[in-house]
């Protein structure tokens, strides 16, 4: 009996199915699987998933939640290893973001593609997908408090820094960084770009 089936028999069918679906997406590189595939992977009957999910779309929504939660956990762990208020803390968050996307390529389209947008539109008040962003905002706020900068719009600064990391993650994911800069390292690019951005804020004072 596999771990998912064990979880099911302990009354955790929903999470067992989410894990099964996530594993299928990782293995296949896409969400091209059927509900029966997730049921089989979880070690349950083909009818069992419908006790918790009305259809595959609902299951994918749960997988997206799981992916954002995992991203938030990695971002939180990364920032905890750096001094509060430092540029290194902000950079660590960006690197964790890029690393997550590179290690879980199949989830990028789910989280930021049509499925993710639809899920967000259906649940606009759900903040689970923003957990990692709030970690970034806290790091930016701490940096502003320790540096002589005029710009105090933490939300705006955070969005700019997030856009930098997200943009690099996206172009690196599809090999475009290597295409135009064969010797470039995406993490070094993020680090130098972030330092340049933050130094520019200081010089405006």
N, C-alpha and C. Protein backbone atom coordinates (compact mmCIF):
# COMPACT_ATOMS: atom_id res chain seq x y z
N UNK A 1 0.86 -1.20 0.00
CA UNK A 1 0.00 0.00 0.00
C UNK A 1 0.89 1.25 0.00
N UNK A 2 0.66 2.17 -0.94
CA UNK A 2 1.51 3.36 -1.01
C UNK A 2 1.09 4.40 0.02
N UNK A 3 1.89 5.47 0.13
CA UNK A 3 1.64 6.48 1.17
C UNK A 3 0.32 7.20 0.96
N UNK A 4 -0.09 7.36 -0.32
CA UNK A 4 -1.34 8.06 -0.58
C UNK A 4 -2.53 7.19 -0.14
N UNK A 5 -2.44 5.90 -0.42
CA UNK A 5 -3.51 5.00 0.00
C UNK A 5 -3.58 4.93 1.52
N UNK A 6 -2.41 4.94 2.15
CA UNK A 6 -2.38 4.95 3.61
C UNK A 6 -3.04 6.21 4.14
N UNK A 7 -2.73 7.35 3.53
CA UNK A 7 -3.34 8.61 3.95
C UNK A 7 -4.85 8.55 3.77
N UNK A 8 -5.29 7.94 2.65
CA UNK A 8 -6.71 7.83 2.40
C UNK A 8 -7.41 7.03 3.50
N UNK A 9 -6.82 5.90 3.85
CA UNK A 9 -7.44 5.05 4.87
C UNK A 9 -7.35 5.67 6.26
N UNK A 10 -6.56 6.74 6.37
CA UNK A 10 -6.53 7.47 7.63
C UNK A 10 -7.46 8.70 7.55
N UNK A 11 -8.30 8.72 6.53
CA UNK A 11 -9.29 9.78 6.43
C UNK A 11 -8.82 11.03 5.73
N UNK A 12 -7.70 10.95 4.96
CA UNK A 12 -7.15 12.13 4.31
C UNK A 12 -7.19 11.95 2.79
N UNK A 13 -8.32 11.55 2.28
CA UNK A 13 -8.46 11.28 0.86
C UNK A 13 -8.17 12.53 0.03
N UNK A 14 -8.67 13.68 0.47
CA UNK A 14 -8.49 14.90 -0.31
C UNK A 14 -7.01 15.21 -0.55
N UNK A 15 -6.22 15.20 0.51
CA UNK A 15 -4.80 15.51 0.36
C UNK A 15 -4.06 14.42 -0.41
N UNK A 16 -4.49 13.18 -0.25
CA UNK A 16 -3.87 12.09 -1.00
C UNK A 16 -4.07 12.29 -2.50
N UNK A 17 -5.23 12.76 -2.88
CA UNK A 17 -5.52 13.01 -4.30
C UNK A 17 -4.75 14.22 -4.83
N UNK A 18 -4.64 15.26 -4.00
CA UNK A 18 -3.87 16.43 -4.41
C UNK A 18 -2.41 16.05 -4.65
N UNK A 19 -1.85 15.27 -3.74
CA UNK A 19 -0.47 14.82 -3.89
C UNK A 19 -0.32 13.94 -5.12
N UNK A 20 -1.28 13.07 -5.35
CA UNK A 20 -1.23 12.19 -6.53
C UNK A 20 -1.26 13.02 -7.81
N UNK A 21 -2.14 14.00 -7.87
CA UNK A 21 -2.23 14.85 -9.06
C UNK A 21 -0.95 15.65 -9.26
N UNK A 22 -0.38 16.17 -8.18
CA UNK A 22 0.86 16.93 -8.27
C UNK A 22 2.00 16.06 -8.81
N UNK A 23 2.06 14.82 -8.35
CA UNK A 23 3.09 13.91 -8.82
C UNK A 23 2.92 13.61 -10.31
N UNK A 24 1.69 13.43 -10.75
CA UNK A 24 1.43 13.17 -12.16
C UNK A 24 1.84 14.35 -13.03
N UNK A 25 1.56 15.56 -12.55
CA UNK A 25 1.94 16.76 -13.30
C UNK A 25 3.45 16.87 -13.40
N UNK A 26 4.15 16.60 -12.30
CA UNK A 26 5.61 16.64 -12.30
C UNK A 26 6.17 15.63 -13.29
N UNK A 27 5.66 14.42 -13.27
CA UNK A 27 6.17 13.35 -14.12
C UNK A 27 5.90 13.58 -15.59
N UNK A 28 4.70 14.10 -15.90
CA UNK A 28 4.31 14.25 -17.29
C UNK A 28 4.66 15.62 -17.86
N UNK A 29 5.00 16.55 -16.98
CA UNK A 29 5.35 17.88 -17.45
C UNK A 29 4.16 18.71 -17.87
N UNK A 30 2.97 18.26 -17.53
CA UNK A 30 1.74 18.98 -17.88
C UNK A 30 0.60 18.44 -17.03
N UNK A 31 -0.56 19.05 -17.19
CA UNK A 31 -1.75 18.61 -16.46
C UNK A 31 -2.57 17.64 -17.30
N UNK A 32 -1.91 16.95 -18.22
CA UNK A 32 -2.59 16.02 -19.12
C UNK A 32 -2.78 14.67 -18.44
N UNK A 33 -3.73 14.62 -17.53
CA UNK A 33 -4.09 13.37 -16.87
C UNK A 33 -5.59 13.39 -16.59
N UNK A 34 -6.14 12.23 -16.34
CA UNK A 34 -7.57 12.11 -16.05
C UNK A 34 -7.78 11.86 -14.56
N UNK A 35 -8.98 12.11 -14.11
CA UNK A 35 -9.29 11.89 -12.70
C UNK A 35 -9.00 10.45 -12.29
N UNK A 36 -9.26 9.52 -13.21
CA UNK A 36 -9.03 8.12 -12.89
C UNK A 36 -7.54 7.86 -12.66
N UNK A 37 -6.67 8.63 -13.35
CA UNK A 37 -5.23 8.48 -13.15
C UNK A 37 -4.84 8.89 -11.73
N UNK A 38 -5.42 10.00 -11.26
CA UNK A 38 -5.15 10.45 -9.90
C UNK A 38 -5.67 9.44 -8.89
N UNK A 39 -6.85 8.88 -9.16
CA UNK A 39 -7.43 7.88 -8.26
C UNK A 39 -6.54 6.64 -8.20
N UNK A 40 -6.08 6.21 -9.37
CA UNK A 40 -5.22 5.03 -9.41
C UNK A 40 -3.91 5.29 -8.66
N UNK A 41 -3.34 6.48 -8.86
CA UNK A 41 -2.08 6.82 -8.18
C UNK A 41 -2.29 6.86 -6.66
N UNK A 42 -3.44 7.32 -6.23
CA UNK A 42 -3.73 7.40 -4.79
C UNK A 42 -4.15 6.05 -4.21
N UNK A 43 -4.40 5.07 -5.09
CA UNK A 43 -4.78 3.74 -4.61
C UNK A 43 -6.22 3.64 -4.19
N UNK A 44 -7.09 4.42 -4.85
CA UNK A 44 -8.52 4.39 -4.51
C UNK A 44 -9.34 4.13 -5.76
N UNK A 45 -10.63 3.96 -5.58
CA UNK A 45 -11.51 3.68 -6.71
C UNK A 45 -11.67 4.90 -7.60
N UNK A 46 -12.13 4.69 -8.83
CA UNK A 46 -12.29 5.79 -9.77
C UNK A 46 -13.38 6.77 -9.33
N UNK A 47 -14.28 6.32 -8.47
CA UNK A 47 -15.35 7.19 -7.99
C UNK A 47 -14.94 8.00 -6.77
N UNK A 48 -13.89 7.57 -6.08
CA UNK A 48 -13.50 8.22 -4.82
C UNK A 48 -13.17 9.70 -4.93
N UNK A 49 -12.47 10.16 -6.00
CA UNK A 49 -12.13 11.59 -6.07
C UNK A 49 -13.33 12.52 -6.01
N UNK A 50 -14.47 12.06 -6.49
CA UNK A 50 -15.65 12.92 -6.56
C UNK A 50 -16.30 13.15 -5.20
N UNK A 51 -15.76 12.53 -4.18
CA UNK A 51 -16.23 12.83 -2.83
C UNK A 51 -15.73 14.20 -2.37
N UNK A 52 -14.64 14.65 -2.98
CA UNK A 52 -14.05 15.92 -2.60
C UNK A 52 -13.95 16.92 -3.74
N UNK A 53 -13.92 16.44 -4.99
CA UNK A 53 -13.73 17.34 -6.13
C UNK A 53 -14.82 17.06 -7.17
N UNK A 54 -15.50 18.12 -7.57
CA UNK A 54 -16.61 17.92 -8.51
C UNK A 54 -16.10 17.47 -9.88
N UNK A 55 -14.87 17.90 -10.23
CA UNK A 55 -14.29 17.52 -11.51
C UNK A 55 -12.78 17.78 -11.47
N UNK A 56 -12.13 17.59 -12.60
CA UNK A 56 -10.68 17.76 -12.67
C UNK A 56 -10.28 19.21 -12.42
N UNK A 57 -11.09 20.15 -12.88
CA UNK A 57 -10.79 21.57 -12.67
C UNK A 57 -10.68 21.89 -11.19
N UNK A 58 -11.59 21.35 -10.40
CA UNK A 58 -11.56 21.58 -8.95
C UNK A 58 -10.30 20.96 -8.34
N UNK A 59 -9.91 19.80 -8.84
CA UNK A 59 -8.69 19.16 -8.34
C UNK A 59 -7.47 20.00 -8.70
N UNK A 60 -7.43 20.51 -9.92
CA UNK A 60 -6.31 21.36 -10.34
C UNK A 60 -6.24 22.64 -9.51
N UNK A 61 -7.40 23.18 -9.15
CA UNK A 61 -7.41 24.37 -8.28
C UNK A 61 -6.73 24.06 -6.96
N UNK A 62 -6.99 22.88 -6.43
CA UNK A 62 -6.37 22.48 -5.17
C UNK A 62 -4.87 22.28 -5.33
N UNK A 63 -4.47 21.76 -6.48
CA UNK A 63 -3.04 21.59 -6.76
C UNK A 63 -2.36 22.94 -6.86
N UNK A 64 -3.02 23.91 -7.47
CA UNK A 64 -2.47 25.27 -7.57
C UNK A 64 -2.29 25.86 -6.17
N UNK A 65 -3.27 25.67 -5.31
CA UNK A 65 -3.15 26.13 -3.92
C UNK A 65 -1.93 25.48 -3.26
N UNK A 66 -1.77 24.20 -3.48
CA UNK A 66 -0.65 23.46 -2.90
C UNK A 66 0.68 24.01 -3.41
N UNK A 67 0.75 24.31 -4.71
CA UNK A 67 1.98 24.84 -5.30
C UNK A 67 2.33 26.20 -4.73
N UNK A 68 1.34 27.07 -4.58
CA UNK A 68 1.60 28.40 -4.00
C UNK A 68 2.01 28.29 -2.54
N UNK A 69 1.41 27.35 -1.83
CA UNK A 69 1.80 27.13 -0.44
C UNK A 69 3.26 26.69 -0.36
N UNK A 70 3.64 25.75 -1.24
CA UNK A 70 5.02 25.26 -1.25
C UNK A 70 5.98 26.38 -1.61
N UNK A 71 5.60 27.23 -2.56
CA UNK A 71 6.44 28.37 -2.93
C UNK A 71 6.60 29.30 -1.75
N UNK A 72 5.51 29.59 -1.06
CA UNK A 72 5.58 30.47 0.10
C UNK A 72 6.48 29.92 1.19
N UNK A 73 6.43 28.61 1.39
CA UNK A 73 7.28 27.98 2.40
C UNK A 73 8.76 28.13 2.04
N UNK A 74 9.10 27.95 0.77
CA UNK A 74 10.50 28.08 0.35
C UNK A 74 10.98 29.51 0.46
N UNK A 75 10.13 30.46 0.11
CA UNK A 75 10.48 31.87 0.21
C UNK A 75 10.71 32.26 1.67
N UNK A 76 9.82 31.81 2.54
CA UNK A 76 9.94 32.11 3.97
C UNK A 76 11.23 31.53 4.53
N UNK A 77 11.55 30.31 4.15
CA UNK A 77 12.78 29.67 4.64
C UNK A 77 14.01 30.42 4.16
N UNK A 78 13.98 30.91 2.92
CA UNK A 78 15.13 31.61 2.35
C UNK A 78 15.39 32.93 3.07
N UNK A 79 14.34 33.68 3.36
CA UNK A 79 14.53 34.99 3.98
C UNK A 79 14.96 34.86 5.43
N UNK A 80 14.57 33.78 6.09
CA UNK A 80 14.94 33.58 7.49
C UNK A 80 16.44 33.38 7.67
N UNK A 81 17.12 32.99 6.60
CA UNK A 81 18.56 32.75 6.69
C UNK A 81 19.39 34.01 6.47
N UNK A 82 18.73 35.14 6.25
CA UNK A 82 19.43 36.39 5.96
C UNK A 82 19.12 37.44 7.02
N UNK A 83 20.02 38.42 7.20
CA UNK A 83 19.77 39.49 8.18
C UNK A 83 18.53 40.30 7.82
N UNK A 84 17.71 40.59 8.80
CA UNK A 84 16.51 41.38 8.55
C UNK A 84 16.89 42.77 8.06
N UNK A 85 16.20 43.24 7.05
CA UNK A 85 16.45 44.57 6.52
C UNK A 85 17.58 44.66 5.52
N UNK A 86 18.17 43.54 5.18
CA UNK A 86 19.31 43.54 4.25
C UNK A 86 18.86 43.35 2.81
N UNK A 87 19.70 43.81 1.91
CA UNK A 87 19.45 43.56 0.48
C UNK A 87 19.52 42.07 0.21
N UNK A 88 20.38 41.37 0.97
CA UNK A 88 20.53 39.93 0.79
C UNK A 88 19.22 39.18 1.06
N UNK A 89 18.43 39.68 1.99
CA UNK A 89 17.14 39.05 2.29
C UNK A 89 16.21 39.16 1.08
N UNK A 90 16.19 40.32 0.46
CA UNK A 90 15.35 40.52 -0.72
C UNK A 90 15.83 39.64 -1.87
N UNK A 91 17.14 39.60 -2.05
CA UNK A 91 17.72 38.78 -3.12
C UNK A 91 17.44 37.30 -2.88
N UNK A 92 17.53 36.86 -1.63
CA UNK A 92 17.27 35.46 -1.30
C UNK A 92 15.85 35.06 -1.66
N UNK A 93 14.91 35.97 -1.48
CA UNK A 93 13.52 35.69 -1.83
C UNK A 93 13.40 35.50 -3.34
N UNK A 94 14.02 36.40 -4.10
CA UNK A 94 13.99 36.29 -5.56
C UNK A 94 14.63 35.01 -6.05
N UNK A 95 15.74 34.64 -5.45
CA UNK A 95 16.43 33.40 -5.85
C UNK A 95 15.58 32.17 -5.52
N UNK A 96 14.93 32.20 -4.36
CA UNK A 96 14.06 31.08 -3.99
C UNK A 96 12.90 30.95 -4.98
N UNK A 97 12.39 32.08 -5.42
CA UNK A 97 11.30 32.11 -6.39
C UNK A 97 11.74 31.48 -7.71
N UNK A 98 12.90 31.92 -8.20
CA UNK A 98 13.41 31.39 -9.46
C UNK A 98 13.73 29.90 -9.33
N UNK A 99 14.34 29.53 -8.22
CA UNK A 99 14.70 28.12 -8.00
C UNK A 99 13.45 27.24 -7.99
N UNK A 100 12.41 27.71 -7.33
CA UNK A 100 11.17 26.93 -7.28
C UNK A 100 10.62 26.72 -8.69
N UNK A 101 10.62 27.77 -9.49
CA UNK A 101 10.07 27.67 -10.83
C UNK A 101 10.91 26.75 -11.71
N UNK A 102 12.22 26.77 -11.53
CA UNK A 102 13.08 25.91 -12.32
C UNK A 102 12.95 24.45 -11.91
N UNK A 103 12.73 24.21 -10.63
CA UNK A 103 12.62 22.84 -10.12
C UNK A 103 11.24 22.25 -10.33
N UNK A 104 10.26 23.12 -10.54
CA UNK A 104 8.88 22.65 -10.72
C UNK A 104 8.28 23.30 -11.97
N UNK A 105 8.93 23.07 -13.07
CA UNK A 105 8.56 23.73 -14.33
C UNK A 105 7.10 23.48 -14.72
N UNK A 106 6.64 22.28 -14.48
CA UNK A 106 5.29 21.93 -14.90
C UNK A 106 4.22 22.76 -14.20
N UNK A 107 4.56 23.30 -13.04
CA UNK A 107 3.57 24.08 -12.28
C UNK A 107 3.52 25.54 -12.70
N UNK A 108 4.54 26.00 -13.44
CA UNK A 108 4.59 27.41 -13.82
C UNK A 108 3.34 27.81 -14.60
N UNK A 109 3.01 27.01 -15.61
CA UNK A 109 1.83 27.31 -16.41
C UNK A 109 0.54 27.25 -15.61
N UNK A 110 0.48 26.31 -14.67
CA UNK A 110 -0.72 26.22 -13.84
C UNK A 110 -0.87 27.44 -12.94
N UNK A 111 0.23 27.85 -12.31
CA UNK A 111 0.17 28.94 -11.34
C UNK A 111 -0.04 30.29 -12.00
N UNK A 112 0.60 30.48 -13.16
CA UNK A 112 0.57 31.81 -13.78
C UNK A 112 -0.15 31.84 -15.12
N UNK A 113 -0.65 30.69 -15.56
CA UNK A 113 -1.38 30.64 -16.82
C UNK A 113 -2.87 30.81 -16.63
N UNK A 114 -3.62 30.32 -17.58
CA UNK A 114 -5.08 30.49 -17.56
C UNK A 114 -5.72 29.87 -16.33
N UNK A 115 -5.22 28.70 -15.93
CA UNK A 115 -5.82 28.02 -14.77
C UNK A 115 -5.65 28.85 -13.50
N UNK A 116 -4.46 29.40 -13.32
CA UNK A 116 -4.21 30.23 -12.14
C UNK A 116 -5.02 31.51 -12.15
N UNK A 117 -5.13 32.13 -13.31
CA UNK A 117 -5.92 33.36 -13.43
C UNK A 117 -7.39 33.08 -13.13
N UNK A 118 -7.90 31.97 -13.69
CA UNK A 118 -9.30 31.62 -13.45
C UNK A 118 -9.54 31.37 -11.96
N UNK A 119 -8.63 30.64 -11.32
CA UNK A 119 -8.79 30.35 -9.90
C UNK A 119 -8.79 31.64 -9.08
N UNK A 120 -7.93 32.59 -9.45
CA UNK A 120 -7.86 33.85 -8.74
C UNK A 120 -9.13 34.67 -8.94
N UNK A 121 -9.67 34.65 -10.15
CA UNK A 121 -10.89 35.39 -10.44
C UNK A 121 -12.08 34.81 -9.69
N UNK A 122 -12.08 33.50 -9.51
CA UNK A 122 -13.19 32.86 -8.82
C UNK A 122 -13.10 33.04 -7.31
N UNK A 123 -11.86 33.27 -6.81
CA UNK A 123 -11.65 33.43 -5.37
C UNK A 123 -10.78 34.65 -5.12
N UNK A 124 -11.27 35.85 -5.46
CA UNK A 124 -10.44 37.06 -5.35
C UNK A 124 -9.97 37.38 -3.94
N UNK A 125 -10.66 36.88 -2.92
CA UNK A 125 -10.27 37.19 -1.54
C UNK A 125 -9.33 36.14 -0.96
N UNK A 126 -9.04 35.08 -1.74
CA UNK A 126 -8.17 34.01 -1.26
C UNK A 126 -6.72 34.48 -1.33
N UNK A 127 -6.05 34.57 -0.17
CA UNK A 127 -4.71 35.13 -0.12
C UNK A 127 -3.62 34.07 -0.09
N UNK A 128 -3.99 32.80 -0.27
CA UNK A 128 -2.96 31.75 -0.23
C UNK A 128 -1.93 31.94 -1.32
N UNK A 129 -2.35 32.40 -2.50
CA UNK A 129 -1.42 32.58 -3.61
C UNK A 129 -0.50 33.78 -3.40
N UNK A 130 -0.80 34.62 -2.41
CA UNK A 130 0.00 35.83 -2.17
C UNK A 130 0.93 35.68 -0.98
N UNK A 131 0.98 34.50 -0.36
CA UNK A 131 1.79 34.32 0.84
C UNK A 131 3.24 34.69 0.61
N UNK A 132 3.82 34.22 -0.50
CA UNK A 132 5.21 34.55 -0.80
C UNK A 132 5.43 36.02 -1.04
N UNK A 133 4.43 36.67 -1.65
CA UNK A 133 4.55 38.11 -1.92
C UNK A 133 4.55 38.90 -0.62
N UNK A 134 3.76 38.47 0.36
CA UNK A 134 3.74 39.17 1.64
C UNK A 134 5.08 39.05 2.36
N UNK A 135 5.76 37.93 2.16
CA UNK A 135 7.11 37.78 2.72
C UNK A 135 8.03 38.81 2.09
N UNK A 136 7.92 38.99 0.79
CA UNK A 136 8.73 39.98 0.09
C UNK A 136 8.41 41.39 0.59
N UNK A 137 7.14 41.69 0.76
CA UNK A 137 6.76 43.02 1.25
C UNK A 137 7.37 43.30 2.63
N UNK A 138 7.38 42.31 3.50
CA UNK A 138 7.96 42.48 4.83
C UNK A 138 9.45 42.75 4.73
N UNK A 139 10.12 42.04 3.82
CA UNK A 139 11.56 42.23 3.64
C UNK A 139 11.85 43.62 3.07
N UNK A 140 11.04 44.07 2.14
CA UNK A 140 11.22 45.40 1.56
C UNK A 140 10.96 46.49 2.60
N UNK A 141 9.93 46.31 3.40
CA UNK A 141 9.62 47.27 4.46
C UNK A 141 10.78 47.36 5.45
N UNK A 142 11.36 46.22 5.80
CA UNK A 142 12.50 46.21 6.73
C UNK A 142 13.71 46.89 6.11
N UNK A 143 13.91 46.69 4.81
CA UNK A 143 15.03 47.34 4.12
C UNK A 143 14.85 48.86 4.11
N UNK A 144 13.65 49.30 3.80
CA UNK A 144 13.35 50.75 3.77
C UNK A 144 13.60 51.38 5.15
N UNK A 145 13.25 50.65 6.20
CA UNK A 145 13.41 51.19 7.55
C UNK A 145 14.87 51.37 7.92
N UNK A 146 15.76 50.64 7.26
CA UNK A 146 17.18 50.71 7.59
C UNK A 146 18.00 51.51 6.58
N UNK A 147 17.35 52.07 5.60
CA UNK A 147 18.07 52.82 4.57
C UNK A 147 17.43 54.18 4.33
N UNK A 148 18.26 55.18 4.04
CA UNK A 148 17.75 56.54 3.81
C UNK A 148 17.14 56.68 2.41
N UNK A 149 15.91 56.27 2.26
CA UNK A 149 15.25 56.36 0.96
C UNK A 149 13.99 57.21 1.09
N UNK A 150 13.70 57.95 0.04
CA UNK A 150 12.50 58.77 0.01
C UNK A 150 11.27 57.93 -0.31
N UNK A 151 11.47 56.91 -1.14
CA UNK A 151 10.37 56.07 -1.57
C UNK A 151 9.90 55.17 -0.43
N UNK A 152 8.69 55.41 0.04
CA UNK A 152 8.16 54.61 1.15
C UNK A 152 6.93 53.80 0.75
N UNK A 153 6.66 53.75 -0.54
CA UNK A 153 5.53 52.94 -1.00
C UNK A 153 6.00 51.49 -1.11
N UNK A 154 5.89 50.77 0.00
CA UNK A 154 6.42 49.40 0.07
C UNK A 154 5.75 48.49 -0.96
N UNK A 155 4.44 48.66 -1.15
CA UNK A 155 3.73 47.82 -2.11
C UNK A 155 4.28 48.02 -3.52
N UNK A 156 4.46 49.27 -3.90
CA UNK A 156 4.96 49.56 -5.25
C UNK A 156 6.38 49.02 -5.44
N UNK A 157 7.24 49.21 -4.46
CA UNK A 157 8.60 48.70 -4.55
C UNK A 157 8.60 47.17 -4.62
N UNK A 158 7.75 46.56 -3.84
CA UNK A 158 7.68 45.10 -3.81
C UNK A 158 7.23 44.55 -5.16
N UNK A 159 6.27 45.21 -5.77
CA UNK A 159 5.79 44.76 -7.09
C UNK A 159 6.91 44.88 -8.12
N UNK A 160 7.68 45.96 -8.06
CA UNK A 160 8.80 46.13 -8.99
C UNK A 160 9.84 45.03 -8.82
N UNK A 161 10.17 44.72 -7.57
CA UNK A 161 11.17 43.69 -7.30
C UNK A 161 10.63 42.30 -7.66
N UNK A 162 9.37 42.07 -7.38
CA UNK A 162 8.74 40.80 -7.75
C UNK A 162 8.73 40.63 -9.26
N UNK A 163 8.42 41.71 -9.97
CA UNK A 163 8.40 41.66 -11.44
C UNK A 163 9.77 41.27 -11.98
N UNK A 164 10.81 41.76 -11.34
CA UNK A 164 12.16 41.43 -11.76
C UNK A 164 12.42 39.93 -11.63
N UNK A 165 12.10 39.38 -10.47
CA UNK A 165 12.31 37.95 -10.23
C UNK A 165 11.41 37.10 -11.13
N UNK A 166 10.15 37.51 -11.25
CA UNK A 166 9.20 36.75 -12.06
C UNK A 166 9.62 36.77 -13.53
N UNK A 167 10.06 37.93 -14.00
CA UNK A 167 10.50 38.05 -15.39
C UNK A 167 11.70 37.17 -15.68
N UNK A 168 12.68 37.19 -14.78
CA UNK A 168 13.86 36.35 -14.97
C UNK A 168 13.49 34.87 -14.90
N UNK A 169 12.59 34.52 -13.99
CA UNK A 169 12.15 33.13 -13.88
C UNK A 169 11.50 32.68 -15.18
N UNK A 170 10.66 33.54 -15.74
CA UNK A 170 9.94 33.19 -16.96
C UNK A 170 10.86 33.00 -18.16
N UNK A 171 11.79 33.93 -18.36
CA UNK A 171 12.67 33.80 -19.54
C UNK A 171 13.70 32.70 -19.34
N UNK A 172 14.10 32.47 -18.09
CA UNK A 172 15.05 31.39 -17.83
C UNK A 172 14.39 30.03 -17.99
N UNK A 173 13.12 29.95 -17.64
CA UNK A 173 12.39 28.69 -17.69
C UNK A 173 12.37 28.12 -19.09
N UNK A 174 12.30 28.98 -20.09
CA UNK A 174 12.22 28.53 -21.47
C UNK A 174 13.54 28.68 -22.22
N UNK A 175 14.63 28.86 -21.48
CA UNK A 175 15.95 28.87 -22.09
C UNK A 175 16.35 30.13 -22.80
N UNK A 176 15.62 31.22 -22.60
CA UNK A 176 15.92 32.44 -23.34
C UNK A 176 17.15 33.17 -22.80
N UNK A 177 17.45 33.02 -21.51
CA UNK A 177 18.66 33.64 -20.97
C UNK A 177 19.88 33.03 -21.64
N UNK A 178 19.92 31.70 -21.70
CA UNK A 178 21.05 31.01 -22.33
C UNK A 178 21.14 31.31 -23.82
N UNK A 179 20.00 31.55 -24.44
CA UNK A 179 19.98 31.82 -25.88
C UNK A 179 20.69 33.12 -26.20
N UNK A 180 20.44 34.14 -25.40
CA UNK A 180 21.02 35.45 -25.69
C UNK A 180 22.31 35.72 -24.92
N UNK A 181 22.45 35.09 -23.74
CA UNK A 181 23.66 35.24 -22.93
C UNK A 181 24.12 33.85 -22.49
N UNK A 182 24.77 33.13 -23.38
CA UNK A 182 25.11 31.73 -23.10
C UNK A 182 25.88 31.51 -21.80
N UNK A 183 26.68 32.46 -21.38
CA UNK A 183 27.50 32.28 -20.18
C UNK A 183 26.84 32.87 -18.93
N UNK A 184 25.66 33.40 -19.08
CA UNK A 184 25.01 34.09 -17.96
C UNK A 184 24.42 33.12 -16.95
N UNK A 185 24.39 33.56 -15.71
CA UNK A 185 23.75 32.82 -14.63
C UNK A 185 22.56 33.63 -14.14
N UNK A 186 21.37 33.05 -14.17
CA UNK A 186 20.17 33.80 -13.86
C UNK A 186 20.19 34.32 -12.43
N UNK A 187 20.80 33.59 -11.50
CA UNK A 187 20.86 34.03 -10.11
C UNK A 187 21.78 35.24 -9.96
N UNK A 188 22.89 35.24 -10.72
CA UNK A 188 23.80 36.39 -10.70
C UNK A 188 23.12 37.61 -11.32
N UNK A 189 22.34 37.38 -12.36
CA UNK A 189 21.61 38.48 -12.99
C UNK A 189 20.62 39.10 -12.00
N UNK A 190 19.92 38.25 -11.27
CA UNK A 190 18.98 38.76 -10.28
C UNK A 190 19.70 39.56 -9.20
N UNK A 191 20.80 39.02 -8.72
CA UNK A 191 21.55 39.68 -7.65
C UNK A 191 22.04 41.05 -8.09
N UNK A 192 22.67 41.13 -9.26
CA UNK A 192 23.20 42.42 -9.72
C UNK A 192 22.08 43.40 -10.03
N UNK A 193 20.99 42.92 -10.60
CA UNK A 193 19.86 43.80 -10.92
C UNK A 193 19.22 44.36 -9.66
N UNK A 194 19.07 43.52 -8.65
CA UNK A 194 18.47 43.97 -7.39
C UNK A 194 19.36 44.99 -6.70
N UNK A 195 20.66 44.74 -6.66
CA UNK A 195 21.58 45.71 -6.05
C UNK A 195 21.53 47.05 -6.80
N UNK A 196 21.50 46.99 -8.13
CA UNK A 196 21.43 48.21 -8.93
C UNK A 196 20.16 48.99 -8.62
N UNK A 197 19.04 48.27 -8.52
CA UNK A 197 17.76 48.90 -8.23
C UNK A 197 17.76 49.56 -6.85
N UNK A 198 18.23 48.84 -5.85
CA UNK A 198 18.23 49.38 -4.49
C UNK A 198 19.22 50.53 -4.33
N UNK A 199 20.37 50.41 -4.97
CA UNK A 199 21.34 51.50 -4.92
C UNK A 199 20.77 52.75 -5.59
N UNK A 200 20.01 52.55 -6.65
CA UNK A 200 19.38 53.69 -7.32
C UNK A 200 18.41 54.41 -6.40
N UNK A 201 17.69 53.67 -5.56
CA UNK A 201 16.79 54.29 -4.60
C UNK A 201 17.56 55.14 -3.59
N UNK A 202 18.69 54.63 -3.14
CA UNK A 202 19.49 55.37 -2.18
C UNK A 202 20.02 56.67 -2.80
N UNK A 203 20.46 56.61 -4.03
CA UNK A 203 21.06 57.78 -4.67
C UNK A 203 20.04 58.87 -4.98
N UNK A 204 18.76 58.51 -4.99
CA UNK A 204 17.72 59.51 -5.24
C UNK A 204 17.50 60.40 -4.03
N UNK A 205 18.02 59.99 -2.88
CA UNK A 205 17.77 60.76 -1.65
C UNK A 205 18.55 62.06 -1.65
